[in-house]
Structures are given as C-alpha cells and as structure tokens.
Amino acid sequence: MEKKEANKEPFNRPDGVEVKLTAKSINIRGFLFFFILFLTGSYLFAYVWDDSSSYGAGRLLGTAVKGISSPQVMLCIFLLLVFYILIQAGIL
C-alpha cells in the first residue's frame, strides 16, 4: 500500500472575515447569556418541581432576585467581578 503525503501547506481562505471583540463586549455577551440561562432555568425548575402556573414561576424568580439584591451579596458579586477582571488583565 502506498502512503499519501500530507499536504502541509497552510490553507488561506481569501474570502474569510476577521472578527475582533474587546474584553468588554465579551463580558457583556457572557452576562446576557447567563442571565437568559438563569431566567429559562428558573422557569423550567418551577415547571418541573412547582405548580406550572405563572404565579409559581414569578414567585420563584422574585425570591431569587430579592436574595441576590441584598447589599452583602451585591458587595460579594462586585468583589468577584473586580477579582475576575484583575486575573483576566494579568493573564492577557
């Protein structure tokens, strides 16, 4: 059996598009993605484990938002965000 030689030339695609994103836009898109994931996950959780009414889903989402919006949790989230940005800046 004969072996074929591998084509080791780089493949250049002339019609390709280069996409450049800043760290700020990546973080905003990630936040929006996880926020939408949180909303759909909470509604799915309410549908499976609670009554399937809109009241149950809204009550679950409201208690979660109320717990997140306390000053201690907001301070913790802010400090984690600052820590994350510092780590990201240090690595980049």
N, C-alpha and C. Protein backbone atom coordinates (compact mmCIF):
# COMPACT_ATOMS: atom_id res chain seq x y z
N MET A 1 0.83 -1.18 0.00
CA MET A 1 0.00 0.00 0.00
C MET A 1 0.88 1.25 0.00
N GLU A 2 0.52 2.18 -0.80
CA GLU A 2 1.29 3.41 -0.88
C GLU A 2 0.74 4.44 0.11
N LYS A 3 1.66 5.18 0.70
CA LYS A 3 1.24 6.25 1.60
C LYS A 3 1.14 7.55 0.82
N LYS A 4 0.09 8.28 1.13
CA LYS A 4 -0.06 9.59 0.52
C LYS A 4 0.64 10.62 1.39
N GLU A 5 1.28 11.57 0.76
CA GLU A 5 1.93 12.62 1.52
C GLU A 5 0.89 13.62 2.01
N ALA A 6 1.08 14.05 3.25
CA ALA A 6 0.15 15.02 3.81
C ALA A 6 0.43 16.40 3.23
N ASN A 7 -0.61 17.10 2.96
CA ASN A 7 -0.48 18.46 2.46
C ASN A 7 -0.20 19.38 3.65
N LYS A 8 1.03 19.86 3.76
CA LYS A 8 1.41 20.67 4.91
C LYS A 8 1.45 22.16 4.60
N GLU A 9 0.91 22.55 3.48
CA GLU A 9 0.85 23.96 3.15
C GLU A 9 -0.30 24.61 3.93
N PRO A 10 -0.09 25.82 4.42
CA PRO A 10 -1.18 26.48 5.15
C PRO A 10 -2.33 26.81 4.20
N PHE A 11 -3.52 26.66 4.72
CA PHE A 11 -4.72 26.92 3.93
C PHE A 11 -5.15 28.36 4.17
N ASN A 12 -5.10 29.15 3.16
CA ASN A 12 -5.53 30.54 3.25
C ASN A 12 -6.88 30.68 2.57
N ARG A 13 -7.80 31.27 3.29
CA ARG A 13 -9.11 31.49 2.72
C ARG A 13 -9.27 32.98 2.42
N PRO A 14 -9.25 33.36 1.17
CA PRO A 14 -9.26 34.80 0.86
C PRO A 14 -10.57 35.50 1.19
N ASP A 15 -11.67 34.76 1.25
CA ASP A 15 -12.95 35.42 1.50
C ASP A 15 -13.34 35.38 2.97
N GLY A 16 -12.41 35.03 3.85
CA GLY A 16 -12.70 34.95 5.28
C GLY A 16 -12.86 36.33 5.91
N VAL A 17 -13.51 36.36 7.07
CA VAL A 17 -13.75 37.61 7.78
C VAL A 17 -13.09 37.50 9.15
N GLU A 18 -12.33 38.50 9.51
CA GLU A 18 -11.69 38.52 10.81
C GLU A 18 -12.60 39.28 11.78
N VAL A 19 -12.90 38.64 12.90
CA VAL A 19 -13.79 39.24 13.89
C VAL A 19 -12.95 39.60 15.11
N LYS A 20 -13.00 40.86 15.50
CA LYS A 20 -12.26 41.32 16.67
C LYS A 20 -13.27 41.77 17.71
N LEU A 21 -13.18 41.21 18.91
CA LEU A 21 -14.05 41.59 20.01
C LEU A 21 -13.20 42.08 21.17
N THR A 22 -13.69 43.09 21.86
CA THR A 22 -12.99 43.57 23.04
C THR A 22 -13.42 42.75 24.24
N ALA A 23 -12.65 42.84 25.32
CA ALA A 23 -12.99 42.12 26.54
C ALA A 23 -14.32 42.60 27.10
N LYS A 24 -14.61 43.89 26.95
CA LYS A 24 -15.87 44.44 27.45
C LYS A 24 -17.06 43.83 26.73
N SER A 25 -16.99 43.72 25.41
CA SER A 25 -18.12 43.16 24.67
C SER A 25 -18.28 41.67 24.95
N ILE A 26 -17.18 40.96 25.17
CA ILE A 26 -17.27 39.53 25.51
C ILE A 26 -17.93 39.36 26.87
N ASN A 27 -17.56 40.21 27.84
CA ASN A 27 -18.16 40.12 29.18
C ASN A 27 -19.64 40.46 29.15
N ILE A 28 -20.02 41.46 28.36
CA ILE A 28 -21.44 41.83 28.26
C ILE A 28 -22.23 40.69 27.63
N ARG A 29 -21.70 40.10 26.57
CA ARG A 29 -22.41 38.98 25.93
C ARG A 29 -22.50 37.78 26.87
N GLY A 30 -21.45 37.52 27.62
CA GLY A 30 -21.49 36.41 28.59
C GLY A 30 -22.50 36.66 29.68
N PHE A 31 -22.58 37.91 30.19
CA PHE A 31 -23.56 38.25 31.22
C PHE A 31 -24.97 38.06 30.70
N LEU A 32 -25.24 38.55 29.50
CA LEU A 32 -26.58 38.40 28.92
C LEU A 32 -26.93 36.93 28.70
N PHE A 33 -25.95 36.14 28.25
CA PHE A 33 -26.19 34.72 28.04
C PHE A 33 -26.57 34.03 29.35
N PHE A 34 -25.80 34.30 30.42
CA PHE A 34 -26.10 33.65 31.70
C PHE A 34 -27.36 34.19 32.34
N PHE A 35 -27.71 35.45 32.07
CA PHE A 35 -28.96 35.98 32.58
C PHE A 35 -30.15 35.29 31.91
N ILE A 36 -30.08 35.12 30.61
CA ILE A 36 -31.15 34.41 29.89
C ILE A 36 -31.20 32.95 30.33
N LEU A 37 -30.03 32.35 30.54
CA LEU A 37 -29.98 30.97 31.04
C LEU A 37 -30.61 30.87 32.43
N PHE A 38 -30.36 31.87 33.28
CA PHE A 38 -30.95 31.90 34.62
C PHE A 38 -32.47 32.00 34.54
N LEU A 39 -32.97 32.87 33.67
CA LEU A 39 -34.42 33.02 33.53
C LEU A 39 -35.08 31.74 33.04
N THR A 40 -34.55 31.17 31.98
CA THR A 40 -35.16 29.95 31.45
C THR A 40 -35.00 28.78 32.42
N GLY A 41 -33.87 28.72 33.11
CA GLY A 41 -33.67 27.65 34.09
C GLY A 41 -34.64 27.76 35.25
N SER A 42 -34.90 28.98 35.72
CA SER A 42 -35.83 29.14 36.84
C SER A 42 -37.26 28.79 36.42
N TYR A 43 -37.63 29.17 35.20
CA TYR A 43 -38.97 28.80 34.72
C TYR A 43 -39.09 27.28 34.53
N LEU A 44 -38.05 26.66 34.03
CA LEU A 44 -38.07 25.21 33.86
C LEU A 44 -38.13 24.51 35.22
N PHE A 45 -37.37 25.01 36.20
CA PHE A 45 -37.41 24.44 37.54
C PHE A 45 -38.80 24.57 38.15
N ALA A 46 -39.42 25.74 37.99
CA ALA A 46 -40.77 25.95 38.51
C ALA A 46 -41.77 25.04 37.81
N TYR A 47 -41.57 24.79 36.53
CA TYR A 47 -42.49 23.93 35.79
C TYR A 47 -42.38 22.48 36.26
N VAL A 48 -41.16 22.02 36.54
CA VAL A 48 -40.96 20.63 36.91
C VAL A 48 -41.32 20.38 38.38
N TRP A 49 -40.84 21.24 39.31
CA TRP A 49 -40.96 20.95 40.72
C TRP A 49 -42.07 21.71 41.43
N ASP A 50 -42.60 22.74 40.82
CA ASP A 50 -43.64 23.55 41.45
C ASP A 50 -44.88 23.46 40.58
N ASP A 51 -45.90 24.21 40.96
CA ASP A 51 -47.07 24.24 40.09
C ASP A 51 -46.70 24.95 38.80
N SER A 52 -47.37 24.59 37.74
CA SER A 52 -46.99 25.10 36.42
C SER A 52 -47.67 26.42 36.09
N SER A 53 -48.07 27.18 37.12
CA SER A 53 -48.71 28.46 36.84
C SER A 53 -47.65 29.55 36.72
N SER A 54 -48.04 30.65 36.15
CA SER A 54 -47.11 31.77 36.04
C SER A 54 -46.85 32.39 37.41
N TYR A 55 -47.78 32.22 38.35
CA TYR A 55 -47.56 32.74 39.70
C TYR A 55 -46.39 32.05 40.37
N GLY A 56 -46.33 30.72 40.25
CA GLY A 56 -45.24 29.98 40.87
C GLY A 56 -43.89 30.35 40.27
N ALA A 57 -43.82 30.50 38.97
CA ALA A 57 -42.57 30.86 38.31
C ALA A 57 -42.15 32.28 38.69
N GLY A 58 -43.10 33.19 38.73
CA GLY A 58 -42.79 34.56 39.12
C GLY A 58 -42.37 34.67 40.57
N ARG A 59 -43.00 33.88 41.44
CA ARG A 59 -42.64 33.89 42.86
C ARG A 59 -41.22 33.36 43.04
N LEU A 60 -40.88 32.29 42.33
CA LEU A 60 -39.53 31.73 42.42
C LEU A 60 -38.49 32.72 41.90
N LEU A 61 -38.77 33.36 40.78
CA LEU A 61 -37.84 34.34 40.22
C LEU A 61 -37.74 35.56 41.14
N GLY A 62 -38.85 35.99 41.70
CA GLY A 62 -38.83 37.15 42.60
C GLY A 62 -38.04 36.90 43.86
N THR A 63 -38.19 35.73 44.46
CA THR A 63 -37.41 35.43 45.67
C THR A 63 -35.93 35.30 45.35
N ALA A 64 -35.59 34.78 44.17
CA ALA A 64 -34.18 34.69 43.79
C ALA A 64 -33.59 36.08 43.58
N VAL A 65 -34.32 36.97 42.91
CA VAL A 65 -33.83 38.33 42.68
C VAL A 65 -33.74 39.09 43.99
N LYS A 66 -34.70 38.87 44.89
CA LYS A 66 -34.67 39.54 46.19
C LYS A 66 -33.46 39.08 47.00
N GLY A 67 -33.13 37.80 46.92
CA GLY A 67 -31.95 37.30 47.64
C GLY A 67 -30.66 37.83 47.05
N ILE A 68 -30.61 37.96 45.72
CA ILE A 68 -29.40 38.45 45.06
C ILE A 68 -29.20 39.94 45.31
N SER A 69 -30.29 40.69 45.46
CA SER A 69 -30.17 42.14 45.56
C SER A 69 -29.86 42.64 46.97
N SER A 70 -29.57 41.77 47.93
CA SER A 70 -29.19 42.23 49.26
C SER A 70 -27.80 42.86 49.18
N PRO A 71 -27.50 43.82 50.08
CA PRO A 71 -26.21 44.52 49.99
C PRO A 71 -24.99 43.61 50.14
N GLN A 72 -25.06 42.59 51.00
CA GLN A 72 -23.93 41.70 51.18
C GLN A 72 -23.64 40.91 49.91
N VAL A 73 -24.68 40.42 49.27
CA VAL A 73 -24.50 39.64 48.05
C VAL A 73 -24.01 40.53 46.92
N MET A 74 -24.53 41.75 46.83
CA MET A 74 -24.07 42.68 45.79
C MET A 74 -22.60 43.04 45.98
N LEU A 75 -22.16 43.22 47.23
CA LEU A 75 -20.75 43.51 47.50
C LEU A 75 -19.88 42.32 47.11
N CYS A 76 -20.34 41.12 47.42
CA CYS A 76 -19.59 39.91 47.06
C CYS A 76 -19.49 39.76 45.55
N ILE A 77 -20.58 40.00 44.84
CA ILE A 77 -20.57 39.91 43.39
C ILE A 77 -19.63 40.97 42.80
N PHE A 78 -19.66 42.19 43.35
CA PHE A 78 -18.78 43.24 42.86
C PHE A 78 -17.31 42.88 43.09
N LEU A 79 -16.99 42.36 44.27
CA LEU A 79 -15.60 41.98 44.55
C LEU A 79 -15.14 40.83 43.66
N LEU A 80 -16.02 39.87 43.40
CA LEU A 80 -15.67 38.78 42.50
C LEU A 80 -15.47 39.28 41.08
N LEU A 81 -16.27 40.25 40.66
CA LEU A 81 -16.12 40.84 39.33
C LEU A 81 -14.78 41.56 39.21
N VAL A 82 -14.41 42.33 40.24
CA VAL A 82 -13.12 43.03 40.23
C VAL A 82 -11.98 42.01 40.21
N PHE A 83 -12.10 40.97 41.02
CA PHE A 83 -11.08 39.93 41.06
C PHE A 83 -10.94 39.24 39.70
N TYR A 84 -12.06 38.97 39.05
CA TYR A 84 -12.05 38.33 37.74
C TYR A 84 -11.36 39.22 36.70
N ILE A 85 -11.68 40.51 36.73
CA ILE A 85 -11.08 41.44 35.76
C ILE A 85 -9.58 41.55 36.00
N LEU A 86 -9.16 41.58 37.27
CA LEU A 86 -7.72 41.64 37.56
C LEU A 86 -7.00 40.38 37.09
N ILE A 87 -7.61 39.22 37.28
CA ILE A 87 -7.00 37.97 36.80
C ILE A 87 -6.94 37.98 35.27
N GLN A 88 -8.01 38.41 34.63
CA GLN A 88 -8.03 38.45 33.18
C GLN A 88 -6.98 39.42 32.64
N ALA A 89 -6.83 40.58 33.28
CA ALA A 89 -5.82 41.55 32.85
C ALA A 89 -4.42 41.01 33.09
N GLY A 90 -4.22 40.27 34.17
CA GLY A 90 -2.91 39.70 34.45
C GLY A 90 -2.53 38.61 33.46
N ILE A 91 -3.49 37.82 33.04
CA ILE A 91 -3.20 36.73 32.08
C ILE A 91 -2.98 37.29 30.69
N LEU A 92 -3.78 38.27 30.30
CA LEU A 92 -3.64 38.83 28.96
C LEU A 92 -2.43 39.73 28.88
